[in-house]
């Protein structure tokens, strides 16, 4: 006889503590399929939260970088003009 699914996944360190509890509850109650769906929903929501957090963090950083890059380009374009004006005096 083989191992229960929760034990096999735990031995391979392939499951989070929340998922492990859900899987064990599903095995004991006979509703493993339902618990696997709940695990999938939980992880989908978790990934959604991480993606949302990353986008909220990344967007301002990207805008700041682009602003600095454009500012640098403008300064580099005007430098020859300022040098020319200072050499005339």
PDB file of N, CA and C in Angstrom:
ATOM      1  N   UNK A   1       0.851  -1.175   0.000  1.00  0.00           N
ATOM      2  CA  UNK A   1       0.000   0.000   0.000  1.00  0.00           C
ATOM      3  C   UNK A   1       0.890   1.230   0.000  1.00  0.00           C
ATOM      4  N   UNK A   2       0.495   2.239  -0.765  1.00  0.00           N
ATOM      5  CA  UNK A   2       1.293   3.452  -0.896  1.00  0.00           C
ATOM      6  C   UNK A   2       1.015   4.460   0.207  1.00  0.00           C
ATOM      7  N   UNK A   3       1.720   5.522   0.115  1.00  0.00           N
ATOM      8  CA  UNK A   3       1.569   6.621   1.072  1.00  0.00           C
ATOM      9  C   UNK A   3       0.346   7.469   0.722  1.00  0.00           C
ATOM     10  N   UNK A   4      -0.239   8.107   1.712  1.00  0.00           N
ATOM     11  CA  UNK A   4      -1.258   9.107   1.393  1.00  0.00           C
ATOM     12  C   UNK A   4      -0.615  10.266   0.619  1.00  0.00           C
ATOM     13  N   UNK A   5      -1.410  10.926  -0.198  1.00  0.00           N
ATOM     14  CA  UNK A   5      -0.895  12.005  -1.039  1.00  0.00           C
ATOM     15  C   UNK A   5      -0.236  13.100  -0.201  1.00  0.00           C
ATOM     16  N   UNK A   6      -0.849  13.457   0.910  1.00  0.00           N
ATOM     17  CA  UNK A   6      -0.290  14.532   1.744  1.00  0.00           C
ATOM     18  C   UNK A   6       1.088  14.147   2.281  1.00  0.00           C
ATOM     19  N   UNK A   7       1.270  12.891   2.674  1.00  0.00           N
ATOM     20  CA  UNK A   7       2.578  12.447   3.177  1.00  0.00           C
ATOM     21  C   UNK A   7       3.629  12.451   2.079  1.00  0.00           C
ATOM     22  N   UNK A   8       3.241  12.027   0.884  1.00  0.00           N
ATOM     23  CA  UNK A   8       4.188  11.990  -0.234  1.00  0.00           C
ATOM     24  C   UNK A   8       4.617  13.408  -0.616  1.00  0.00           C
ATOM     25  N   UNK A   9       3.663  14.334  -0.657  1.00  0.00           N
ATOM     26  CA  UNK A   9       4.004  15.711  -0.998  1.00  0.00           C
ATOM     27  C   UNK A   9       4.837  16.370   0.102  1.00  0.00           C
ATOM     28  N   UNK A  10       4.532  16.043   1.354  1.00  0.00           N
ATOM     29  CA  UNK A  10       5.301  16.594   2.466  1.00  0.00           C
ATOM     30  C   UNK A  10       6.727  16.063   2.449  1.00  0.00           C
ATOM     31  N   UNK A  11       6.900  14.792   2.147  1.00  0.00           N
ATOM     32  CA  UNK A  11       8.241  14.200   2.110  1.00  0.00           C
ATOM     33  C   UNK A  11       9.093  14.852   1.024  1.00  0.00           C
ATOM     34  N   UNK A  12       8.473  15.231  -0.076  1.00  0.00           N
ATOM     35  CA  UNK A  12       9.198  15.879  -1.162  1.00  0.00           C
ATOM     36  C   UNK A  12       9.268  17.391  -1.016  1.00  0.00           C
ATOM     37  N   UNK A  13       8.740  17.910   0.076  1.00  0.00           N
ATOM     38  CA  UNK A  13       8.690  19.354   0.344  1.00  0.00           C
ATOM     39  C   UNK A  13       8.070  20.106  -0.831  1.00  0.00           C
ATOM     40  N   UNK A  14       6.948  19.577  -1.313  1.00  0.00           N
ATOM     41  CA  UNK A  14       6.271  20.147  -2.471  1.00  0.00           C
ATOM     42  C   UNK A  14       4.965  20.845  -2.109  1.00  0.00           C
ATOM     43  N   UNK A  15       4.749  21.076  -0.819  1.00  0.00           N
ATOM     44  CA  UNK A  15       3.455  21.611  -0.405  1.00  0.00           C
ATOM     45  C   UNK A  15       3.656  22.619   0.720  1.00  0.00           C
ATOM     46  N   UNK A  16       2.806  23.638   0.741  1.00  0.00           N
ATOM     47  CA  UNK A  16       2.857  24.633   1.818  1.00  0.00           C
ATOM     48  C   UNK A  16       2.092  24.100   3.033  1.00  0.00           C
ATOM     49  N   UNK A  17       2.324  24.665   4.210  1.00  0.00           N
ATOM     50  CA  UNK A  17       1.605  24.199   5.400  1.00  0.00           C
ATOM     51  C   UNK A  17       0.078  24.308   5.270  1.00  0.00           C
ATOM     52  N   UNK A  18      -0.402  25.367   4.643  1.00  0.00           N
ATOM     53  CA  UNK A  18      -1.850  25.532   4.462  1.00  0.00           C
ATOM     54  C   UNK A  18      -2.390  24.423   3.563  1.00  0.00           C
ATOM     55  N   UNK A  19      -1.715  24.169   2.463  1.00  0.00           N
ATOM     56  CA  UNK A  19      -2.152  23.126   1.542  1.00  0.00           C
ATOM     57  C   UNK A  19      -2.076  21.752   2.192  1.00  0.00           C
ATOM     58  N   UNK A  20      -1.069  21.535   3.001  1.00  0.00           N
ATOM     59  CA  UNK A  20      -0.922  20.251   3.679  1.00  0.00           C
ATOM     60  C   UNK A  20      -2.108  19.989   4.605  1.00  0.00           C
ATOM     61  N   UNK A  21      -2.516  21.011   5.352  1.00  0.00           N
ATOM     62  CA  UNK A  21      -3.677  20.842   6.237  1.00  0.00           C
ATOM     63  C   UNK A  21      -4.944  20.572   5.436  1.00  0.00           C
ATOM     64  N   UNK A  22      -5.109  21.286   4.317  1.00  0.00           N
ATOM     65  CA  UNK A  22      -6.289  21.054   3.480  1.00  0.00           C
ATOM     66  C   UNK A  22      -6.288  19.650   2.894  1.00  0.00           C
ATOM     67  N   UNK A  23      -5.135  19.188   2.437  1.00  0.00           N
ATOM     68  CA  UNK A  23      -5.049  17.841   1.860  1.00  0.00           C
ATOM     69  C   UNK A  23      -5.349  16.767   2.907  1.00  0.00           C
ATOM     70  N   UNK A  24      -4.815  16.944   4.088  1.00  0.00           N
ATOM     71  CA  UNK A  24      -5.072  15.944   5.138  1.00  0.00           C
ATOM     72  C   UNK A  24      -6.546  15.934   5.525  1.00  0.00           C
ATOM     73  N   UNK A  25      -7.158  17.106   5.595  1.00  0.00           N
ATOM     74  CA  UNK A  25      -8.592  17.159   5.904  1.00  0.00           C
ATOM     75  C   UNK A  25      -9.391  16.487   4.797  1.00  0.00           C
ATOM     76  N   UNK A  26      -8.982  16.707   3.541  1.00  0.00           N
ATOM     77  CA  UNK A  26      -9.671  16.072   2.419  1.00  0.00           C
ATOM     78  C   UNK A  26      -9.514  14.567   2.419  1.00  0.00           C
ATOM     79  N   UNK A  27      -8.341  14.075   2.778  1.00  0.00           N
ATOM     80  CA  UNK A  27      -8.120  12.626   2.838  1.00  0.00           C
ATOM     81  C   UNK A  27      -8.971  11.991   3.944  1.00  0.00           C
ATOM     82  N   UNK A  28      -9.031  12.663   5.075  1.00  0.00           N
ATOM     83  CA  UNK A  28      -9.779  12.095   6.199  1.00  0.00           C
ATOM     84  C   UNK A  28     -11.281  12.130   5.952  1.00  0.00           C
ATOM     85  N   UNK A  29     -11.758  13.170   5.263  1.00  0.00           N
ATOM     86  CA  UNK A  29     -13.200  13.289   5.049  1.00  0.00           C
ATOM     87  C   UNK A  29     -13.663  12.609   3.762  1.00  0.00           C
ATOM     88  N   UNK A  30     -12.737  12.237   2.901  1.00  0.00           N
ATOM     89  CA  UNK A  30     -13.105  11.605   1.636  1.00  0.00           C
ATOM     90  C   UNK A  30     -13.395  12.620   0.536  1.00  0.00           C
ATOM     91  N   UNK A  31     -13.080  13.862   0.760  1.00  0.00           N
ATOM     92  CA  UNK A  31     -13.313  14.921  -0.230  1.00  0.00           C
ATOM     93  C   UNK A  31     -11.992  15.488  -0.748  1.00  0.00           C
ATOM     94  N   UNK A  32     -11.110  14.614  -1.168  1.00  0.00           N
ATOM     95  CA  UNK A  32      -9.787  15.056  -1.603  1.00  0.00           C
ATOM     96  C   UNK A  32      -9.881  15.959  -2.825  1.00  0.00           C
ATOM     97  N   UNK A  33     -10.750  15.640  -3.749  1.00  0.00           N
ATOM     98  CA  UNK A  33     -10.893  16.454  -4.960  1.00  0.00           C
ATOM     99  C   UNK A  33     -11.289  17.886  -4.641  1.00  0.00           C
ATOM    100  N   UNK A  34     -12.244  18.042  -3.745  1.00  0.00           N
ATOM    101  CA  UNK A  34     -12.689  19.371  -3.351  1.00  0.00           C
ATOM    102  C   UNK A  34     -11.564  20.148  -2.668  1.00  0.00           C
ATOM    103  N   UNK A  35     -10.813  19.461  -1.833  1.00  0.00           N
ATOM    104  CA  UNK A  35      -9.712  20.118  -1.134  1.00  0.00           C
ATOM    105  C   UNK A  35      -8.583  20.494  -2.095  1.00  0.00           C
ATOM    106  N   UNK A  36      -8.352  19.675  -3.114  1.00  0.00           N
ATOM    107  CA  UNK A  36      -7.352  20.036  -4.122  1.00  0.00           C
ATOM    108  C   UNK A  36      -7.784  21.291  -4.870  1.00  0.00           C
ATOM    109  N   UNK A  37      -9.068  21.403  -5.155  1.00  0.00           N
ATOM    110  CA  UNK A  37      -9.580  22.617  -5.803  1.00  0.00           C
ATOM    111  C   UNK A  37      -9.416  23.826  -4.886  1.00  0.00           C
ATOM    112  N   UNK A  38      -9.670  23.651  -3.601  1.00  0.00           N
ATOM    113  CA  UNK A  38      -9.481  24.760  -2.656  1.00  0.00           C
ATOM    114  C   UNK A  38      -8.012  25.166  -2.584  1.00  0.00           C
ATOM    115  N   UNK A  39      -7.117  24.176  -2.618  1.00  0.00           N
ATOM    116  CA  UNK A  39      -5.677  24.496  -2.630  1.00  0.00           C
ATOM    117  C   UNK A  39      -5.324  25.303  -3.876  1.00  0.00           C
ATOM    118  N   UNK A  40      -5.851  24.893  -5.006  1.00  0.00           N
ATOM    119  CA  UNK A  40      -5.574  25.610  -6.253  1.00  0.00           C
ATOM    120  C   UNK A  40      -6.111  27.033  -6.177  1.00  0.00           C
ATOM    121  N   UNK A  41      -7.322  27.202  -5.665  1.00  0.00           N
ATOM    122  CA  UNK A  41      -7.900  28.547  -5.527  1.00  0.00           C
ATOM    123  C   UNK A  41      -7.056  29.403  -4.585  1.00  0.00           C
ATOM    124  N   UNK A  42      -6.633  28.812  -3.479  1.00  0.00           N
ATOM    125  CA  UNK A  42      -5.804  29.544  -2.516  1.00  0.00           C
ATOM    126  C   UNK A  42      -4.520  30.038  -3.164  1.00  0.00           C
ATOM    127  N   UNK A  43      -3.855  29.150  -3.912  1.00  0.00           N
ATOM    128  CA  UNK A  43      -2.584  29.528  -4.536  1.00  0.00           C
ATOM    129  C   UNK A  43      -2.801  30.513  -5.676  1.00  0.00           C
ATOM    130  N   UNK A  44      -3.910  30.402  -6.410  1.00  0.00           N
ATOM    131  CA  UNK A  44      -4.218  31.400  -7.436  1.00  0.00           C
ATOM    132  C   UNK A  44      -4.379  32.781  -6.820  1.00  0.00           C
ATOM    133  N   UNK A  45      -5.086  32.855  -5.698  1.00  0.00           N
ATOM    134  CA  UNK A  45      -5.264  34.140  -5.020  1.00  0.00           C
ATOM    135  C   UNK A  45      -3.933  34.664  -4.490  1.00  0.00           C
ATOM    136  N   UNK A  46      -3.121  33.776  -3.967  1.00  0.00           N
ATOM    137  CA  UNK A  46      -1.811  34.172  -3.435  1.00  0.00           C
ATOM    138  C   UNK A  46      -0.931  34.744  -4.549  1.00  0.00           C
ATOM    139  N   UNK A  47      -0.907  34.083  -5.686  1.00  0.00           N
ATOM    140  CA  UNK A  47      -0.113  34.568  -6.818  1.00  0.00           C
ATOM    141  C   UNK A  47      -0.663  35.903  -7.303  1.00  0.00           C
ATOM    142  N   UNK A  48      -1.989  36.033  -7.320  1.00  0.00           N
ATOM    143  CA  UNK A  48      -2.603  37.298  -7.709  1.00  0.00           C
ATOM    144  C   UNK A  48      -2.184  38.440  -6.799  1.00  0.00           C
ATOM    145  N   UNK A  49      -2.112  38.172  -5.504  1.00  0.00           N
ATOM    146  CA  UNK A  49      -1.667  39.206  -4.559  1.00  0.00           C
ATOM    147  C   UNK A  49      -0.211  39.580  -4.799  1.00  0.00           C
ATOM    148  N   UNK A  50       0.631  38.590  -5.058  1.00  0.00           N
ATOM    149  CA  UNK A  50       2.050  38.876  -5.319  1.00  0.00           C
ATOM    150  C   UNK A  50       2.218  39.687  -6.598  1.00  0.00           C
ATOM    151  N   UNK A  51       1.474  39.340  -7.635  1.00  0.00           N
ATOM    152  CA  UNK A  51       1.567  40.077  -8.902  1.00  0.00           C
ATOM    153  C   UNK A  51       1.095  41.516  -8.700  1.00  0.00           C
ATOM    154  N   UNK A  52      -0.003  41.696  -7.977  1.00  0.00           N
ATOM    155  CA  UNK A  52      -0.519  43.040  -7.717  1.00  0.00           C
ATOM    156  C   UNK A  52       0.498  43.864  -6.927  1.00  0.00           C
ATOM    157  N   UNK A  53       1.114  43.262  -5.930  1.00  0.00           N
ATOM    158  CA  UNK A  53       2.136  43.949  -5.133  1.00  0.00           C
ATOM    159  C   UNK A  53       3.323  44.338  -6.005  1.00  0.00           C
ATOM    160  N   UNK A  54       3.757  43.422  -6.860  1.00  0.00           N
ATOM    161  CA  UNK A  54       4.907  43.687  -7.727  1.00  0.00           C
ATOM    162  C   UNK A  54       4.612  44.829  -8.687  1.00  0.00           C
ATOM    163  N   UNK A  55       3.421  44.843  -9.267  1.00  0.00           N
ATOM    164  CA  UNK A  55       3.052  45.898 -10.211  1.00  0.00           C
ATOM    165  C   UNK A  55       2.995  47.245  -9.491  1.00  0.00           C
ATOM    166  N   UNK A  56       2.431  47.263  -8.281  1.00  0.00           N
ATOM    167  CA  UNK A  56       2.362  48.515  -7.521  1.00  0.00           C
ATOM    168  C   UNK A  56       3.760  49.033  -7.185  1.00  0.00           C
ATOM    169  N   UNK A  57       4.699  48.160  -6.978  1.00  0.00           N
ATOM    170  CA  UNK A  57       6.068  48.558  -6.667  1.00  0.00           C
ATOM    171  C   UNK A  57       6.847  48.917  -7.931  1.00  0.00           C
ATOM    172  N   UNK A  58       6.678  48.144  -8.972  1.00  0.00           N
ATOM    173  CA  UNK A  58       7.482  48.281 -10.180  1.00  0.00           C
ATOM    174  C   UNK A  58       7.097  49.509 -10.992  1.00  0.00           C
ATOM    175  N   UNK A  59       5.809  49.822 -11.061  1.00  0.00           N
ATOM    176  CA  UNK A  59       5.352  50.921 -11.904  1.00  0.00           C
ATOM    177  C   UNK A  59       5.983  52.265 -11.511  1.00  0.00           C
ATOM    178  N   UNK A  60       5.967  52.678 -10.242  1.00  0.00           N
ATOM    179  CA  UNK A  60       6.622  53.947  -9.908  1.00  0.00           C
ATOM    180  C   UNK A  60       8.136  53.923 -10.142  1.00  0.00           C
ATOM    181  N   UNK A  61       8.757  52.784  -9.879  1.00  0.00           N
ATOM    182  CA  UNK A  61      10.199  52.684 -10.133  1.00  0.00           C
ATOM    183  C   UNK A  61      10.511  52.839 -11.616  1.00  0.00           C
ATOM    184  N   UNK A  62       9.704  52.231 -12.459  1.00  0.00           N
ATOM    185  CA  UNK A  62       9.911  52.337 -13.898  1.00  0.00           C
ATOM    186  C   UNK A  62       9.696  53.770 -14.374  1.00  0.00           C
ATOM    187  N   UNK A  63       8.654  54.427 -13.865  1.00  0.00           N
ATOM    188  CA  UNK A  63       8.383  55.816 -14.255  1.00  0.00           C
ATOM    189  C   UNK A  63       9.525  56.735 -13.809  1.00  0.00           C
ATOM    190  N   UNK A  64      10.064  56.510 -12.629  1.00  0.00           N
ATOM    191  CA  UNK A  64      11.196  57.312 -12.137  1.00  0.00           C
ATOM    192  C   UNK A  64      12.418  57.098 -13.026  1.00  0.00           C
ATOM    193  N   UNK A  65      12.692  55.868 -13.380  1.00  0.00           N
ATOM    194  CA  UNK A  65      13.831  55.561 -14.240  1.00  0.00           C
ATOM    195  C   UNK A  65      13.678  56.223 -15.604  1.00  0.00           C
ATOM    196  N   UNK A  66      12.487  56.145 -16.193  1.00  0.00           N
ATOM    197  CA  UNK A  66      12.260  56.750 -17.507  1.00  0.00           C
ATOM    198  C   UNK A  66      12.392  58.264 -17.417  1.00  0.00           C
ATOM    199  N   UNK A  67      11.869  58.863 -16.342  1.00  0.00           N
ATOM    200  CA  UNK A  67      12.004  60.304 -16.156  1.00  0.00           C
ATOM    201  C   UNK A  67      13.456  60.735 -16.049  1.00  0.00           C
ATOM    202  N   UNK A  68      14.232  59.990 -15.279  1.00  0.00           N
ATOM    203  CA  UNK A  68      15.666  60.308 -15.153  1.00  0.00           C
ATOM    204  C   UNK A  68      16.390  60.145 -16.482  1.00  0.00           C
ATOM    205  N   UNK A  69      16.032  59.126 -17.230  1.00  0.00           N
ATOM    206  CA  UNK A  69      16.658  58.891 -18.531  1.00  0.00           C
ATOM    207  C   UNK A  69      16.342  60.025 -19.499  1.00  0.00           C
ATOM    208  N   UNK A  70      15.098  60.465 -19.540  1.00  0.00           N
ATOM    209  CA  UNK A  70      14.719  61.571 -20.420  1.00  0.00           C
ATOM    210  C   UNK A  70      15.419  62.858 -19.971  1.00  0.00           C
ATOM    211  N   UNK A  71      15.475  63.097 -18.654  1.00  0.00           N
ATOM    212  CA  UNK A  71      16.188  64.272 -18.151  1.00  0.00           C
ATOM    213  C   UNK A  71      17.649  64.256 -18.543  1.00  0.00           C
ATOM    214  N   UNK A  72      18.286  63.118 -18.463  1.00  0.00           N
ATOM    215  CA  UNK A  72      19.691  62.992 -18.855  1.00  0.00           C
ATOM    216  C   UNK A  72      19.874  63.289 -20.334  1.00  0.00           C
ATOM    217  N   UNK A  73      18.975  62.793 -21.159  1.00  0.00           N
ATOM    218  CA  UNK A  73      19.065  63.046 -22.606  1.00  0.00           C
ATOM    219  C   UNK A  73      18.921  64.539 -22.893  1.00  0.00           C
ATOM    220  N   UNK A  74      17.974  65.198 -22.224  1.00  0.00           N
ATOM    221  CA  UNK A  74      17.782  66.643 -22.434  1.00  0.00           C
ATOM    222  C   UNK A  74      19.034  67.407 -22.007  1.00  0.00           C
ATOM    223  N   UNK A  75      19.590  67.069 -20.859  1.00  0.00           N
ATOM    224  CA  UNK A  75      20.811  67.745 -20.390  1.00  0.00           C
ATOM    225  C   UNK A  75      21.956  67.530 -21.376  1.00  0.00           C
ATOM    226  N   UNK A  76      22.113  66.302 -21.858  1.00  0.00           N
ATOM    227  CA  UNK A  76      23.189  66.030 -22.813  1.00  0.00           C
ATOM    228  C   UNK A  76      22.989  66.765 -24.138  1.00  0.00           C
ATOM    229  N   UNK A  77      21.731  67.007 -24.513  1.00  0.00           N
ATOM    230  CA  UNK A  77      21.473  67.759 -25.746  1.00  0.00           C
ATOM    231  C   UNK A  77      21.801  69.238 -25.581  1.00  0.00           C
ATOM    232  N   UNK A  78      21.579  69.813 -24.405  1.00  0.00           N
ATOM    233  CA  UNK A  78      21.823  71.233 -24.171  1.00  0.00           C
ATOM    234  C   UNK A  78      23.267  71.548 -23.774  1.00  0.00           C
ATOM    235  N   UNK A  79      24.035  70.592 -23.358  1.00  0.00           N
ATOM    236  CA  UNK A  79      25.424  70.831 -22.945  1.00  0.00           C
ATOM    237  C   UNK A  79      26.251  71.501 -24.045  1.00  0.00           C
ATOM    238  N   UNK A  80      26.203  71.046 -25.296  1.00  0.00           N
ATOM    239  CA  UNK A  80      26.995  71.731 -26.342  1.00  0.00           C
ATOM    240  C   UNK A  80      26.571  73.192 -26.527  1.00  0.00           C
ATOM    241  N   UNK A  81      25.289  73.479 -26.385  1.00  0.00           N
ATOM    242  CA  UNK A  81      24.819  74.853 -26.540  1.00  0.00           C
ATOM    243  C   UNK A  81      25.386  75.725 -25.431  1.00  0.00           C
ATOM    244  N   UNK A  82      25.367  75.237 -24.198  1.00  0.00           N
ATOM    245  CA  UNK A  82      25.916  76.007 -23.078  1.00  0.00           C
ATOM    246  C   UNK A  82      27.421  76.182 -23.213  1.00  0.00           C
ATOM    247  N   UNK A  83      28.113  75.176 -23.679  1.00  0.00           N
ATOM    248  CA  UNK A  83      29.557  75.287 -23.876  1.00  0.00           C
ATOM    249  C   UNK A  83      29.882  76.306 -24.963  1.00  0.00           C
ATOM    250  N   UNK A  84      29.092  76.303 -26.018  1.00  0.00           N
ATOM    251  CA  UNK A  84      29.294  77.267 -27.096  1.00  0.00           C
ATOM    252  C   UNK A  84      29.037  78.682 -26.596  1.00  0.00           C
ATOM    253  N   UNK A  85      27.989  78.868 -25.812  1.00  0.00           N
ATOM    254  CA  UNK A  85      27.663  80.203 -25.291  1.00  0.00           C
ATOM    255  C   UNK A  85      28.741  80.692 -24.328  1.00  0.00           C
ATOM    256  N   UNK A  86      29.303  79.808 -23.535  1.00  0.00           N
ATOM    257  CA  UNK A  86      30.345  80.235 -22.591  1.00  0.00           C
ATOM    258  C   UNK A  86      31.669  80.508 -23.291  1.00  0.00           C
ATOM    259  N   UNK A  87      31.916  79.907 -24.428  1.00  0.00           N
ATOM    260  CA  UNK A  87      33.185  80.141 -25.144  1.00  0.00           C
ATOM    261  C   UNK A  87      33.146  81.436 -25.941  1.00  0.00           C
ATOM    262  N   UNK A  88      31.974  81.987 -26.193  1.00  0.00           N
ATOM    263  CA  UNK A  88      31.850  83.234 -26.946  1.00  0.00           C
ATOM    264  C   UNK A  88      32.324  84.408 -26.099  1.00  0.00           C
ATOM    265  N   UNK A  89      32.058  84.400 -24.824  1.00  0.00           N
ATOM    266  CA  UNK A  89      32.446  85.515 -23.947  1.00  0.00           C
ATOM    267  C   UNK A  89      33.903  85.457 -23.749  1.00  0.00           C
TER     268      UNK A  89
END
